[in-house]
Structures are given as C-alpha cells and as structure tokens.
C-alpha cells in the first residue's frame, strides 16, 4: 500500500471511524468466503491452539512439581 492510500485512509478514519470499520468487515467477509476445501487454515489454527494448551498444561504441571 502506498503512502497516498495510507494518507487517505487516515483522513477517512479521522473523519468517520465507522466507515473504516465497515470496510474492514467487508474485506473480512470477502477473505473468509474465499477459503476453499484445499486450504489448511482451520487445521493450522486447531493445531496451534492444541499446542498452546498442551504447552500451558506442561508448564503448569512442571511449576507445581517444583514447589
């Protein structure tokens, strides 16, 4: 994105914040509808969430064992 577009977005944000929010929502909707069956985004999110939970539990158990 070039500086002119960023400047225009900044001016629009200062004048009407709800317009930017509406643009963000339409962009998100467009991005979310483009996800196909061959996309692995959902699987990656699930794997990362599972890894985070397991890591948290491991650290929690290790912390309790040291006390």
PDB file of N, CA and C in Angstrom:
ATOM      1  N   UNK A   1       0.857  -1.166   0.000  1.00  0.00           N
ATOM      2  CA  UNK A   1       0.000   0.000   0.000  1.00  0.00           C
ATOM      3  C   UNK A   1       0.903   1.229   0.000  1.00  0.00           C
ATOM      4  N   UNK A   2       0.598   2.167  -0.851  1.00  0.00           N
ATOM      5  CA  UNK A   2       1.452   3.349  -0.944  1.00  0.00           C
ATOM      6  C   UNK A   2       1.028   4.420   0.068  1.00  0.00           C
ATOM      7  N   UNK A   3       1.849   5.443   0.171  1.00  0.00           N
ATOM      8  CA  UNK A   3       1.616   6.464   1.181  1.00  0.00           C
ATOM      9  C   UNK A   3       0.373   7.301   0.894  1.00  0.00           C
ATOM     10  N   UNK A   4       0.024   7.467  -0.371  1.00  0.00           N
ATOM     11  CA  UNK A   4      -1.186   8.235  -0.686  1.00  0.00           C
ATOM     12  C   UNK A   4      -2.423   7.506  -0.183  1.00  0.00           C
ATOM     13  N   UNK A   5      -2.463   6.187  -0.395  1.00  0.00           N
ATOM     14  CA  UNK A   5      -3.615   5.411   0.081  1.00  0.00           C
ATOM     15  C   UNK A   5      -3.674   5.412   1.604  1.00  0.00           C
ATOM     16  N   UNK A   6      -2.513   5.274   2.246  1.00  0.00           N
ATOM     17  CA  UNK A   6      -2.490   5.313   3.710  1.00  0.00           C
ATOM     18  C   UNK A   6      -2.939   6.667   4.239  1.00  0.00           C
ATOM     19  N   UNK A   7      -2.509   7.723   3.581  1.00  0.00           N
ATOM     20  CA  UNK A   7      -2.937   9.054   3.982  1.00  0.00           C
ATOM     21  C   UNK A   7      -4.434   9.252   3.830  1.00  0.00           C
ATOM     22  N   UNK A   8      -4.978   8.747   2.725  1.00  0.00           N
ATOM     23  CA  UNK A   8      -6.418   8.855   2.503  1.00  0.00           C
ATOM     24  C   UNK A   8      -7.193   8.045   3.545  1.00  0.00           C
ATOM     25  N   UNK A   9      -6.693   6.848   3.865  1.00  0.00           N
ATOM     26  CA  UNK A   9      -7.359   6.041   4.891  1.00  0.00           C
ATOM     27  C   UNK A   9      -7.302   6.715   6.256  1.00  0.00           C
ATOM     28  N   UNK A  10      -6.157   7.334   6.569  1.00  0.00           N
ATOM     29  CA  UNK A  10      -6.015   8.024   7.841  1.00  0.00           C
ATOM     30  C   UNK A  10      -6.986   9.193   7.933  1.00  0.00           C
ATOM     31  N   UNK A  11      -7.104   9.961   6.876  1.00  0.00           N
ATOM     32  CA  UNK A  11      -8.053  11.082   6.866  1.00  0.00           C
ATOM     33  C   UNK A  11      -9.489  10.590   7.019  1.00  0.00           C
ATOM     34  N   UNK A  12      -9.798   9.489   6.335  1.00  0.00           N
ATOM     35  CA  UNK A  12     -11.143   8.931   6.437  1.00  0.00           C
ATOM     36  C   UNK A  12     -11.403   8.420   7.847  1.00  0.00           C
ATOM     37  N   UNK A  13     -10.394   7.829   8.456  1.00  0.00           N
ATOM     38  CA  UNK A  13     -10.538   7.331   9.823  1.00  0.00           C
ATOM     39  C   UNK A  13     -10.803   8.470  10.792  1.00  0.00           C
ATOM     40  N   UNK A  14     -10.101   9.579  10.605  1.00  0.00           N
ATOM     41  CA  UNK A  14     -10.304  10.716  11.484  1.00  0.00           C
ATOM     42  C   UNK A  14     -11.684  11.332  11.309  1.00  0.00           C
ATOM     43  N   UNK A  15     -12.201  11.322  10.079  1.00  0.00           N
ATOM     44  CA  UNK A  15     -13.491  11.936   9.816  1.00  0.00           C
ATOM     45  C   UNK A  15     -14.646  11.028  10.202  1.00  0.00           C
ATOM     46  N   UNK A  16     -14.559   9.735   9.843  1.00  0.00           N
ATOM     47  CA  UNK A  16     -15.674   8.820  10.081  1.00  0.00           C
ATOM     48  C   UNK A  16     -15.139   7.424  10.401  1.00  0.00           C
ATOM     49  N   UNK A  17     -14.902   7.127  11.679  1.00  0.00           N
ATOM     50  CA  UNK A  17     -14.350   5.818  12.048  1.00  0.00           C
ATOM     51  C   UNK A  17     -15.256   4.644  11.668  1.00  0.00           C
ATOM     52  N   UNK A  18     -16.555   4.850  11.638  1.00  0.00           N
ATOM     53  CA  UNK A  18     -17.461   3.744  11.318  1.00  0.00           C
ATOM     54  C   UNK A  18     -17.318   3.301   9.861  1.00  0.00           C
ATOM     55  N   UNK A  19     -16.912   4.205   8.986  1.00  0.00           N
ATOM     56  CA  UNK A  19     -16.724   3.838   7.580  1.00  0.00           C
ATOM     57  C   UNK A  19     -15.560   2.869   7.428  1.00  0.00           C
ATOM     58  N   UNK A  20     -14.484   3.097   8.173  1.00  0.00           N
ATOM     59  CA  UNK A  20     -13.344   2.187   8.130  1.00  0.00           C
ATOM     60  C   UNK A  20     -13.756   0.832   8.679  1.00  0.00           C
ATOM     61  N   UNK A  21     -14.527   0.828   9.767  1.00  0.00           N
ATOM     62  CA  UNK A  21     -14.986  -0.440  10.343  1.00  0.00           C
ATOM     63  C   UNK A  21     -15.832  -1.204   9.332  1.00  0.00           C
ATOM     64  N   UNK A  22     -16.668  -0.526   8.598  1.00  0.00           N
ATOM     65  CA  UNK A  22     -17.488  -1.185   7.577  1.00  0.00           C
ATOM     66  C   UNK A  22     -16.615  -1.758   6.468  1.00  0.00           C
ATOM     67  N   UNK A  23     -15.581  -1.025   6.072  1.00  0.00           N
ATOM     68  CA  UNK A  23     -14.666  -1.534   5.050  1.00  0.00           C
ATOM     69  C   UNK A  23     -13.913  -2.761   5.547  1.00  0.00           C
ATOM     70  N   UNK A  24     -13.488  -2.734   6.801  1.00  0.00           N
ATOM     71  CA  UNK A  24     -12.799  -3.890   7.366  1.00  0.00           C
ATOM     72  C   UNK A  24     -13.711  -5.110   7.403  1.00  0.00           C
ATOM     73  N   UNK A  25     -14.963  -4.905   7.751  1.00  0.00           N
ATOM     74  CA  UNK A  25     -15.910  -6.022   7.785  1.00  0.00           C
ATOM     75  C   UNK A  25     -16.138  -6.597   6.397  1.00  0.00           C
ATOM     76  N   UNK A  26     -16.265  -5.748   5.390  1.00  0.00           N
ATOM     77  CA  UNK A  26     -16.474  -6.271   4.042  1.00  0.00           C
ATOM     78  C   UNK A  26     -15.228  -6.994   3.541  1.00  0.00           C
ATOM     79  N   UNK A  27     -14.038  -6.478   3.872  1.00  0.00           N
ATOM     80  CA  UNK A  27     -12.806  -7.165   3.486  1.00  0.00           C
ATOM     81  C   UNK A  27     -12.702  -8.518   4.167  1.00  0.00           C
ATOM     82  N   UNK A  28     -13.059  -8.581   5.458  1.00  0.00           N
ATOM     83  CA  UNK A  28     -13.009  -9.842   6.182  1.00  0.00           C
ATOM     84  C   UNK A  28     -13.994 -10.841   5.591  1.00  0.00           C
ATOM     85  N   UNK A  29     -15.183 -10.368   5.258  1.00  0.00           N
ATOM     86  CA  UNK A  29     -16.174 -11.255   4.646  1.00  0.00           C
ATOM     87  C   UNK A  29     -15.673 -11.786   3.311  1.00  0.00           C
ATOM     88  N   UNK A  30     -15.042 -10.925   2.519  1.00  0.00           N
ATOM     89  CA  UNK A  30     -14.509 -11.351   1.228  1.00  0.00           C
ATOM     90  C   UNK A  30     -13.394 -12.373   1.410  1.00  0.00           C
ATOM     91  N   UNK A  31     -12.539 -12.152   2.404  1.00  0.00           N
ATOM     92  CA  UNK A  31     -11.449 -13.094   2.650  1.00  0.00           C
ATOM     93  C   UNK A  31     -11.971 -14.419   3.174  1.00  0.00           C
ATOM     94  N   UNK A  32     -12.977 -14.379   4.037  1.00  0.00           N
ATOM     95  CA  UNK A  32     -13.462 -15.617   4.633  1.00  0.00           C
ATOM     96  C   UNK A  32     -14.261 -16.455   3.642  1.00  0.00           C
ATOM     97  N   UNK A  33     -14.837 -15.838   2.630  1.00  0.00           N
ATOM     98  CA  UNK A  33     -15.592 -16.617   1.650  1.00  0.00           C
ATOM     99  C   UNK A  33     -14.679 -17.235   0.600  1.00  0.00           C
ATOM    100  N   UNK A  34     -13.435 -16.754   0.501  1.00  0.00           N
ATOM    101  CA  UNK A  34     -12.507 -17.295  -0.481  1.00  0.00           C
ATOM    102  C   UNK A  34     -11.814 -18.568  -0.023  1.00  0.00           C
ATOM    103  N   UNK A  35     -11.988 -18.932   1.244  1.00  0.00           N
ATOM    104  CA  UNK A  35     -11.324 -20.123   1.736  1.00  0.00           C
ATOM    105  C   UNK A  35     -11.944 -21.354   1.097  1.00  0.00           C
ATOM    106  N   UNK A  36     -11.114 -22.165   0.496  1.00  0.00           N
ATOM    107  CA  UNK A  36     -11.608 -23.364  -0.163  1.00  0.00           C
ATOM    108  C   UNK A  36     -11.357 -24.604   0.665  1.00  0.00           C
ATOM    109  N   UNK A  37     -11.760 -25.748   0.139  1.00  0.00           N
ATOM    110  CA  UNK A  37     -11.558 -27.007   0.836  1.00  0.00           C
ATOM    111  C   UNK A  37     -10.100 -27.413   0.896  1.00  0.00           C
ATOM    112  N   UNK A  38      -9.281 -26.874   0.000  1.00  0.00           N
ATOM    113  CA  UNK A  38      -7.867 -27.236  -0.011  1.00  0.00           C
ATOM    114  C   UNK A  38      -7.044 -26.368   0.922  1.00  0.00           C
ATOM    115  N   UNK A  39      -7.665 -25.389   1.543  1.00  0.00           N
ATOM    116  CA  UNK A  39      -6.951 -24.503   2.449  1.00  0.00           C
ATOM    117  C   UNK A  39      -6.819 -25.166   3.817  1.00  0.00           C
ATOM    118  N   UNK A  40      -5.668 -25.069   4.399  1.00  0.00           N
ATOM    119  CA  UNK A  40      -5.404 -25.728   5.680  1.00  0.00           C
ATOM    120  C   UNK A  40      -5.415 -24.752   6.845  1.00  0.00           C
ATOM    121  N   UNK A  41      -6.038 -23.601   6.685  1.00  0.00           N
ATOM    122  CA  UNK A  41      -6.018 -22.589   7.741  1.00  0.00           C
ATOM    123  C   UNK A  41      -6.685 -23.076   9.016  1.00  0.00           C
ATOM    124  N   UNK A  42      -7.846 -23.691   8.891  1.00  0.00           N
ATOM    125  CA  UNK A  42      -8.561 -24.160  10.086  1.00  0.00           C
ATOM    126  C   UNK A  42      -7.752 -25.222  10.814  1.00  0.00           C
ATOM    127  N   UNK A  43      -7.145 -26.123  10.065  1.00  0.00           N
ATOM    128  CA  UNK A  43      -6.345 -27.172  10.696  1.00  0.00           C
ATOM    129  C   UNK A  43      -5.145 -26.578  11.427  1.00  0.00           C
ATOM    130  N   UNK A  44      -4.510 -25.568  10.823  1.00  0.00           N
ATOM    131  CA  UNK A  44      -3.378 -24.924  11.474  1.00  0.00           C
ATOM    132  C   UNK A  44      -3.786 -24.217  12.763  1.00  0.00           C
ATOM    133  N   UNK A  45      -4.922 -23.565  12.729  1.00  0.00           N
ATOM    134  CA  UNK A  45      -5.401 -22.877  13.925  1.00  0.00           C
ATOM    135  C   UNK A  45      -5.677 -23.885  15.030  1.00  0.00           C
ATOM    136  N   UNK A  46      -6.305 -25.005  14.683  1.00  0.00           N
ATOM    137  CA  UNK A  46      -6.597 -26.031  15.684  1.00  0.00           C
ATOM    138  C   UNK A  46      -5.303 -26.623  16.239  1.00  0.00           C
ATOM    139  N   UNK A  47      -4.339 -26.895  15.377  1.00  0.00           N
ATOM    140  CA  UNK A  47      -3.063 -27.435  15.838  1.00  0.00           C
ATOM    141  C   UNK A  47      -2.322 -26.453  16.739  1.00  0.00           C
ATOM    142  N   UNK A  48      -2.310 -25.174  16.377  1.00  0.00           N
ATOM    143  CA  UNK A  48      -1.648 -24.176  17.206  1.00  0.00           C
ATOM    144  C   UNK A  48      -2.348 -24.009  18.557  1.00  0.00           C
ATOM    145  N   UNK A  49      -3.663 -24.024  18.547  1.00  0.00           N
ATOM    146  CA  UNK A  49      -4.403 -23.921  19.808  1.00  0.00           C
ATOM    147  C   UNK A  49      -4.124 -25.127  20.692  1.00  0.00           C
ATOM    148  N   UNK A  50      -4.107 -26.318  20.102  1.00  0.00           N
ATOM    149  CA  UNK A  50      -3.802 -27.521  20.872  1.00  0.00           C
ATOM    150  C   UNK A  50      -2.393 -27.486  21.436  1.00  0.00           C
ATOM    151  N   UNK A  51      -1.438 -27.040  20.643  1.00  0.00           N
ATOM    152  CA  UNK A  51      -0.060 -26.946  21.113  1.00  0.00           C
ATOM    153  C   UNK A  51       0.062 -25.932  22.249  1.00  0.00           C
ATOM    154  N   UNK A  52      -0.651 -24.828  22.139  1.00  0.00           N
ATOM    155  CA  UNK A  52      -0.623 -23.821  23.197  1.00  0.00           C
ATOM    156  C   UNK A  52      -1.195 -24.385  24.491  1.00  0.00           C
ATOM    157  N   UNK A  53      -2.316 -25.078  24.398  1.00  0.00           N
ATOM    158  CA  UNK A  53      -2.951 -25.650  25.591  1.00  0.00           C
ATOM    159  C   UNK A  53      -2.052 -26.710  26.222  1.00  0.00           C
ATOM    160  N   UNK A  54      -1.493 -27.585  25.401  1.00  0.00           N
ATOM    161  CA  UNK A  54      -0.604 -28.615  25.940  1.00  0.00           C
ATOM    162  C   UNK A  54       0.647 -28.000  26.566  1.00  0.00           C
ATOM    163  N   UNK A  55       1.209 -26.986  25.936  1.00  0.00           N
ATOM    164  CA  UNK A  55       2.372 -26.313  26.500  1.00  0.00           C
ATOM    165  C   UNK A  55       2.056 -25.633  27.818  1.00  0.00           C
ATOM    166  N   UNK A  56       0.889 -24.995  27.891  1.00  0.00           N
ATOM    167  CA  UNK A  56       0.473 -24.353  29.132  1.00  0.00           C
ATOM    168  C   UNK A  56       0.303 -25.385  30.240  1.00  0.00           C
ATOM    169  N   UNK A  57      -0.354 -26.506  29.922  1.00  0.00           N
ATOM    170  CA  UNK A  57      -0.545 -27.543  30.927  1.00  0.00           C
ATOM    171  C   UNK A  57       0.785 -28.132  31.379  1.00  0.00           C
ATOM    172  N   UNK A  58       1.698 -28.353  30.453  1.00  0.00           N
ATOM    173  CA  UNK A  58       3.010 -28.884  30.800  1.00  0.00           C
ATOM    174  C   UNK A  58       3.753 -27.941  31.741  1.00  0.00           C
ATOM    175  N   UNK A  59       3.755 -26.649  31.410  1.00  0.00           N
ATOM    176  CA  UNK A  59       4.436 -25.672  32.261  1.00  0.00           C
ATOM    177  C   UNK A  59       3.756 -25.565  33.623  1.00  0.00           C
ATOM    178  N   UNK A  60       2.448 -25.650  33.649  1.00  0.00           N
ATOM    179  CA  UNK A  60       1.700 -25.572  34.895  1.00  0.00           C
ATOM    180  C   UNK A  60       2.036 -26.774  35.783  1.00  0.00           C
ATOM    181  N   UNK A  61       2.085 -27.968  35.210  1.00  0.00           N
ATOM    182  CA  UNK A  61       2.421 -29.167  35.971  1.00  0.00           C
ATOM    183  C   UNK A  61       3.862 -29.106  36.447  1.00  0.00           C
ATOM    184  N   UNK A  62       4.774 -28.655  35.597  1.00  0.00           N
ATOM    185  CA  UNK A  62       6.171 -28.537  35.996  1.00  0.00           C
ATOM    186  C   UNK A  62       6.341 -27.511  37.117  1.00  0.00           C
ATOM    187  N   UNK A  63       5.595 -26.436  37.046  1.00  0.00           N
ATOM    188  CA  UNK A  63       5.673 -25.421  38.100  1.00  0.00           C
ATOM    189  C   UNK A  63       5.173 -25.934  39.427  1.00  0.00           C
ATOM    190  N   UNK A  64       4.124 -26.748  39.419  1.00  0.00           N
ATOM    191  CA  UNK A  64       3.595 -27.308  40.656  1.00  0.00           C
ATOM    192  C   UNK A  64       4.533 -28.371  41.226  1.00  0.00           C
ATOM    193  N   UNK A  65       5.214 -29.100  40.353  1.00  0.00           N
ATOM    194  CA  UNK A  65       6.115 -30.156  40.817  1.00  0.00           C
ATOM    195  C   UNK A  65       7.336 -29.571  41.511  1.00  0.00           C
ATOM    196  N   UNK A  66       7.763 -28.369  41.141  1.00  0.00           N
ATOM    197  CA  UNK A  66       8.958 -27.746  41.719  1.00  0.00           C
ATOM    198  C   UNK A  66       8.688 -27.126  43.084  1.00  0.00           C
ATOM    199  N   UNK A  67       7.454 -26.886  43.437  1.00  0.00           N
ATOM    200  CA  UNK A  67       7.127 -26.238  44.704  1.00  0.00           C
ATOM    201  C   UNK A  67       7.229 -27.157  45.856  1.00  0.00           C
TER     202      UNK A  67
END
